[in-house]
Protein backbone atom coordinates (compact mmCIF):
# COMPACT_ATOMS: atom_id res chain seq x y z
CA MET A 1 193.83 83.74 140.95
CA ALA A 2 192.92 80.76 138.61
CA PHE A 3 189.58 79.38 140.77
CA SER A 4 188.84 83.30 140.85
CA LEU A 5 189.21 83.63 136.89
CA GLN A 6 186.98 80.70 136.11
CA ASP A 7 184.46 81.63 138.86
CA GLN A 8 183.99 84.76 136.52
CA LEU A 9 183.91 82.86 133.35
CA ARG A 10 181.22 80.98 134.70
CA GLN A 11 178.85 83.43 136.20
CA CYS A 12 179.75 85.37 132.51
CA LEU A 13 178.73 82.65 130.89
CA LYS A 14 175.58 81.90 133.37
CA ARG A 15 174.49 85.81 132.60
CA VAL A 16 174.62 85.24 128.66
CA THR A 17 172.68 82.36 128.77
CA GLU A 18 169.93 83.84 131.07
CA ARG A 19 169.72 86.76 128.71
CA SER A 20 169.14 84.33 125.77
CA ARG A 21 166.75 82.50 127.61
CA GLY A 22 165.18 85.74 128.76
CA LYS A 23 164.87 87.23 125.01
CA TYR A 24 164.04 83.47 123.87
CA SER A 25 161.05 83.80 126.37
CA ALA A 26 159.83 87.12 124.66
CA SER A 27 160.55 86.21 121.32
CA CYS A 28 158.06 83.24 121.97
CA ILE A 29 155.59 85.60 123.99
CA THR A 30 155.25 88.16 121.03
CA VAL A 31 154.82 85.17 118.59
CA ILE A 32 152.55 83.55 120.57
CA VAL A 33 150.20 86.91 120.94
CA VAL A 34 150.65 87.97 117.81
CA LEU A 35 149.61 84.69 115.97
CA VAL A 36 147.23 83.54 118.43
CA GLY A 37 145.96 86.43 121.03
CA LEU A 38 145.61 89.21 118.62
CA PRO A 39 143.04 86.82 116.29
CA LEU A 40 141.17 85.49 119.25
CA TRP A 41 140.84 89.13 120.49
CA TRP A 42 139.33 90.43 116.90
CA LYS A 43 137.53 87.50 116.80
CA THR A 44 135.99 87.20 120.31
CA THR A 45 135.33 91.62 120.24
CA GLU A 46 133.97 92.32 116.76
CA THR A 47 130.50 93.24 115.98
CA TYR A 48 128.11 90.62 114.03
CA ARG A 49 127.03 91.67 111.23
CA ALA A 50 124.46 89.70 109.48
CA SER A 51 124.49 89.86 105.26
CA LEU A 52 120.99 91.38 104.26
CA PRO A 53 119.58 90.70 100.85
CA TYR A 54 120.01 93.83 99.46
CA LYS A 55 119.05 92.76 95.88
CA GLN A 56 115.52 91.47 97.32
CA ILE A 57 115.41 94.53 99.70
CA SER A 58 115.47 96.76 96.33
CA GLU A 59 112.86 94.62 94.63
CA LEU A 60 110.03 95.37 97.70
CA ASP A 61 108.76 98.43 95.84
CA ILE A 62 108.13 96.78 92.76
CA LEU A 63 104.28 95.90 92.03
CA LEU A 64 102.90 93.94 88.68
CA LEU A 65 99.53 93.06 88.99
CA ASP A 66 98.25 90.18 87.22
CA ILE A 67 94.72 89.92 86.98
CA SER A 68 93.42 87.17 85.74
CA VAL A 69 89.56 86.71 84.51
CA PRO A 70 88.14 83.60 83.66
CA VAL A 71 85.36 83.80 80.58
CA GLU A 72 82.55 81.54 79.41
CA VAL A 73 81.19 82.38 76.43
CA VAL A 74 77.70 80.63 75.69
CA PHE A 75 75.80 80.51 72.17
CA ALA A 76 72.42 79.64 72.33
CA ARG A 77 70.48 77.56 69.91
CA GLY A 78 69.98 79.68 66.19
CA THR A 79 73.14 81.61 66.89
CA LEU A 80 75.60 79.43 65.14
CA THR A 81 74.84 77.21 62.11
CA ALA A 82 75.61 73.27 62.01
CA GLU A 83 79.08 74.00 60.28
CA GLN A 84 79.90 76.79 62.75
CA GLN A 85 79.21 75.10 65.77
CA LYS A 86 81.10 71.95 64.59
CA ARG A 87 84.38 73.81 63.94
CA LEU A 88 83.84 76.45 66.22
CA LEU A 89 82.85 74.61 69.71
CA PRO A 90 84.01 73.58 72.01
CA GLN A 91 87.26 75.56 72.35
CA THR A 92 89.36 77.36 74.68
CA GLN A 93 91.87 80.68 73.96
CA PHE A 94 94.21 82.50 76.15
CA SER A 95 94.71 86.03 75.80
CA GLN A 96 97.06 88.65 77.91
CA LYS A 97 97.69 92.04 77.54
CA MET A 98 100.72 94.22 79.36
CA ASN A 99 99.87 97.79 80.52
CA GLN A 100 103.01 99.06 82.21
CA LEU A 101 103.02 102.44 84.34
CA ASP A 102 106.82 102.94 84.90
CA GLY A 103 109.81 100.72 85.63
CA LYS A 104 108.55 99.60 88.82
CA THR A 105 104.65 99.11 88.48
CA GLY A 106 102.33 97.68 85.74
CA PHE A 107 99.90 95.42 85.27
CA LYS A 108 98.71 92.39 83.36
CA TYR A 109 94.90 91.11 82.14
CA ARG A 110 95.28 87.47 81.26
CA TYR A 111 91.49 86.34 79.82
CA GLU A 112 90.43 82.52 79.97
CA LYS A 113 88.26 82.55 77.29
CA THR A 114 85.76 79.11 76.85
CA TYR A 115 83.47 78.93 73.68
CA ARG A 116 80.64 76.37 74.27
CA ALA A 117 76.83 75.72 73.24
CA ALA A 118 74.38 76.18 75.92
CA THR A 119 72.95 73.18 78.08
CA GLY A 120 69.32 72.44 78.00
CA VAL A 121 68.45 74.21 80.72
CA GLU A 122 70.42 77.48 79.62
CA GLN A 123 68.34 77.13 76.72
CA ASP A 124 65.09 76.81 78.36
CA ALA A 125 65.82 80.20 80.53
CA ILE A 126 66.94 82.08 77.47
CA MET A 127 64.12 81.45 75.51
CA GLY A 128 61.94 83.68 77.80
CA GLU A 129 60.92 86.40 77.70
CA ASN A 130 62.24 88.55 80.99
CA VAL A 131 65.43 88.98 81.08
CA GLU A 132 65.64 89.80 85.15
CA VAL A 133 64.18 86.37 85.71
CA THR A 134 66.29 84.43 83.00
CA VAL A 135 69.25 85.97 85.19
CA VAL A 136 67.76 84.48 88.33
CA THR A 137 67.31 80.77 86.77
CA LEU A 138 71.02 80.80 85.32
CA SER A 139 72.08 82.00 88.34
CA ARG A 140 70.76 79.36 90.45
CA ALA A 141 71.18 76.79 87.86
CA TYR A 142 75.09 77.33 87.91
CA GLU A 143 77.21 78.67 90.12
CA SER A 144 79.92 80.67 88.36
CA SER A 145 83.72 80.67 90.05
CA VAL A 146 84.75 84.16 91.70
CA GLY A 147 85.66 86.80 89.23
CA SER A 148 84.54 84.96 86.18
CA VAL A 149 82.28 86.45 83.27
CA VAL A 150 79.57 84.56 81.89
CA ILE A 151 78.51 86.27 78.64
CA TYR A 152 75.57 84.32 76.78
CA VAL A 153 74.99 85.14 72.78
CA VAL A 154 71.39 84.96 72.08
CA PRO A 155 69.72 84.78 68.41
CA ALA A 156 69.12 88.12 66.57
CA ASN A 157 65.67 87.83 67.00
CA SER A 158 65.29 87.09 70.53
CA GLN A 159 62.34 88.66 72.56
CA LEU A 160 64.55 88.62 75.94
CA PHE A 161 65.44 92.11 75.92
CA PRO A 162 64.55 95.28 73.56
CA GLN A 163 65.06 94.72 70.09
CA GLU A 164 67.16 98.18 69.98
CA VAL A 165 69.02 97.03 73.05
CA SER A 166 72.35 94.76 71.50
CA VAL A 167 73.68 94.14 74.80
CA TYR A 168 72.37 93.42 78.15
CA ILE A 169 74.59 93.49 81.16
CA GLY A 170 72.81 91.72 84.15
CA LYS A 171 73.73 90.85 87.90
CA HIS A 172 75.66 87.76 88.85
CA ARG A 173 78.31 88.67 86.58
CA ALA A 174 76.26 87.83 83.58
CA ALA A 175 76.33 89.31 80.21
CA PHE A 176 73.93 88.87 77.26
CA LEU A 177 74.86 89.83 73.86
CA ARG A 178 72.22 89.61 70.59
CA SER A 179 74.41 87.88 68.58
CA PRO A 180 76.51 89.67 65.25
CA VAL A 181 76.68 86.14 63.50
CA THR A 182 75.50 85.57 60.29
CA ARG A 183 75.14 82.39 58.18
CA SER A 184 77.92 83.46 55.58
CA HIS A 185 80.16 83.90 58.24
CA THR A 186 83.73 81.69 58.31
CA VAL A 187 85.02 80.29 61.72
CA ALA A 188 87.90 83.41 61.56
CA GLU A 189 84.65 86.00 60.91
CA VAL A 190 82.73 84.42 63.72
CA LEU A 191 85.66 84.64 66.32
CA GLN A 192 86.59 88.45 65.43
CA ASP A 193 83.16 89.56 65.78
CA ILE A 194 82.09 87.81 68.91
CA ASP A 195 85.83 88.24 70.68
CA ASP A 196 85.64 92.32 69.62
CA ASN A 197 82.35 92.18 71.64
CA VAL A 198 83.21 90.34 74.58
CA GLU A 199 86.42 93.08 75.19
CA GLU A 200 83.58 95.77 75.11
CA ILE A 201 81.53 93.57 78.08
CA LEU A 202 84.78 93.02 79.74
CA GLN A 203 85.95 96.57 79.83
CA THR A 204 82.27 97.27 81.74
CA MET A 205 81.94 94.04 83.96
CA SER A 206 85.47 94.02 84.85
CA PHE A 207 88.64 96.30 85.43
CA THR A 208 89.53 98.56 82.89
CA ASP A 209 93.22 100.59 82.55
CA ASP A 210 91.59 103.96 84.45
CA VAL A 211 90.28 102.27 87.46
CA VAL A 212 93.67 100.44 87.89
CA VAL A 213 95.74 103.27 86.87
CA ALA A 214 93.38 105.12 89.65
CA ALA A 215 94.11 102.75 92.24
CA LEU A 216 97.51 102.90 91.69
CA SER A 217 97.99 106.54 91.91
CA SER A 218 99.15 106.83 95.26
CA ARG A 219 102.34 105.06 94.57
CA PHE A 220 105.39 106.84 95.35
CA PRO A 221 107.73 107.37 92.24
CA SER A 222 111.02 105.63 92.75
CA GLY A 223 113.23 107.02 94.95
CA THR A 224 111.45 110.07 95.66
CA PHE A 225 109.93 108.51 99.05
CA GLY A 226 110.32 110.30 102.12
CA THR A 227 108.78 112.25 105.18
CA ASP A 228 107.61 115.58 103.31
CA THR A 229 106.40 113.26 99.73
CA PHE A 230 104.64 110.98 102.23
CA THR A 231 103.16 113.90 104.02
CA ASP A 232 102.31 116.00 100.54
CA SER A 233 100.20 112.41 99.45
CA MET A 234 97.98 111.98 102.47
CA THR A 235 94.60 113.26 101.60
CA ALA A 236 92.99 115.85 103.97
CA PHE A 237 90.14 114.67 106.27
CA LYS A 238 88.61 117.95 107.94
CA SER A 239 87.67 116.88 111.42
CA SER A 240 83.54 116.83 112.34
CA LEU A 241 81.15 115.47 114.44
CA GLY A 242 79.27 113.82 112.24
CA TYR A 243 79.67 112.71 107.93
CA GLU A 244 76.75 112.11 105.46
CA ILE A 245 77.49 109.89 102.78
CA THR A 246 75.90 109.42 99.85
CA PHE A 247 75.43 106.50 96.92
CA SER A 248 74.77 107.87 93.66
CA LEU A 249 74.23 105.59 90.62
CA LEU A 250 74.66 107.42 87.26
CA ASN A 251 73.58 105.39 84.26
CA PRO A 252 74.85 107.44 80.99
CA ASP A 253 72.22 105.76 78.66
CA PRO A 254 69.12 104.52 80.49
CA LYS A 255 67.63 103.30 76.82
CA SER A 256 70.75 100.55 76.65
CA HIS A 257 71.39 99.95 80.15
CA ASN A 258 68.19 98.95 82.31
CA ILE A 259 70.15 98.94 85.69
CA CYS A 260 68.89 97.87 89.18
CA TRP A 261 71.17 98.08 92.40
CA SER A 262 69.87 96.84 95.77
CA ILE A 263 72.21 99.36 97.87
CA GLU A 264 70.13 99.47 100.89
CA GLN A 265 71.28 95.46 101.52
CA ALA A 266 74.46 96.30 100.16
CA VAL A 267 75.36 98.69 102.73
CA ASN A 268 73.90 96.85 105.88
CA ASN A 269 76.06 94.18 104.56
CA TYR A 270 78.93 95.65 103.92
CA VAL A 271 79.60 99.33 104.70
CA GLN A 272 77.30 99.30 107.85
CA PRO A 273 79.77 97.01 109.75
CA PHE A 274 82.40 99.81 109.38
CA LEU A 275 80.55 102.75 110.19
CA ASN A 276 79.86 100.75 113.50
CA LYS A 277 83.53 100.22 114.57
CA LEU A 278 83.75 104.19 113.93
CA SER A 279 80.80 105.70 115.66
CA ILE A 280 82.83 106.16 118.53
CA PHE A 281 84.73 109.03 116.86
CA ALA A 282 82.20 110.62 114.77
CA ASN A 283 78.19 110.24 113.46
CA PHE A 284 77.50 108.93 110.20
CA SER A 285 74.58 108.89 107.70
CA VAL A 286 74.49 106.86 104.64
CA ASP A 287 71.92 107.34 101.76
CA SER A 288 71.67 106.99 98.01
CA GLN A 289 69.68 108.54 95.15
């Protein structure tokens, strides 16, 4: 009887031990799954999301044009007195003008004006009486940088172009200004008068505000880009088997501007190669007037 009681106690203790061992094993497995398995599953199954530079993306529609124009103002002999030339030449001035169209569109002009005296070759050319020959001679003698403008200030009694003409704008981005300077001008007055005339010439030879604004007029206002605005902004172009392109030169003041243009050469060099590529779609004819 005693033996039977001991066996029952052993069996009962064995069952309790097995139950405790099972609970312990289950607890260990649960802890491992929660602490190791779940994070590992989360890491290996998550979707990769690259970090995007949202700030840089929002700045992609910002357009700030920086238009730089080097300007040389060359004074011929007889335009300045010895004292004026000594105090004025040579020197370089920098100026800029900002025009903001809206919050994300604008342009800035930067002028680098260099004032100097004419060299011997330039002086010999300016002393002539045919402005077209002078322009060709100067263009061959000096090769200016791309986008630069050269303005030659000639004496008030110069015979280079008609006396009633104060400014002559020639080829090769060169212009001639009849000097407004007198012997009584101070250096500050000389710069003021010359800069006023140079500004007017640059408005004719370089980009003007109206031209730049017209070129940027097709930009979409901020926050309004969409399919409808894109479709509305497209220029309708009626389909046809042939198109006629005409180049017209309008001279509002023939007395002040003696303008010559070689449109045939320009068409052959720049326009015709482009039209040749479009010839498979339509026929193009070019004329001028």
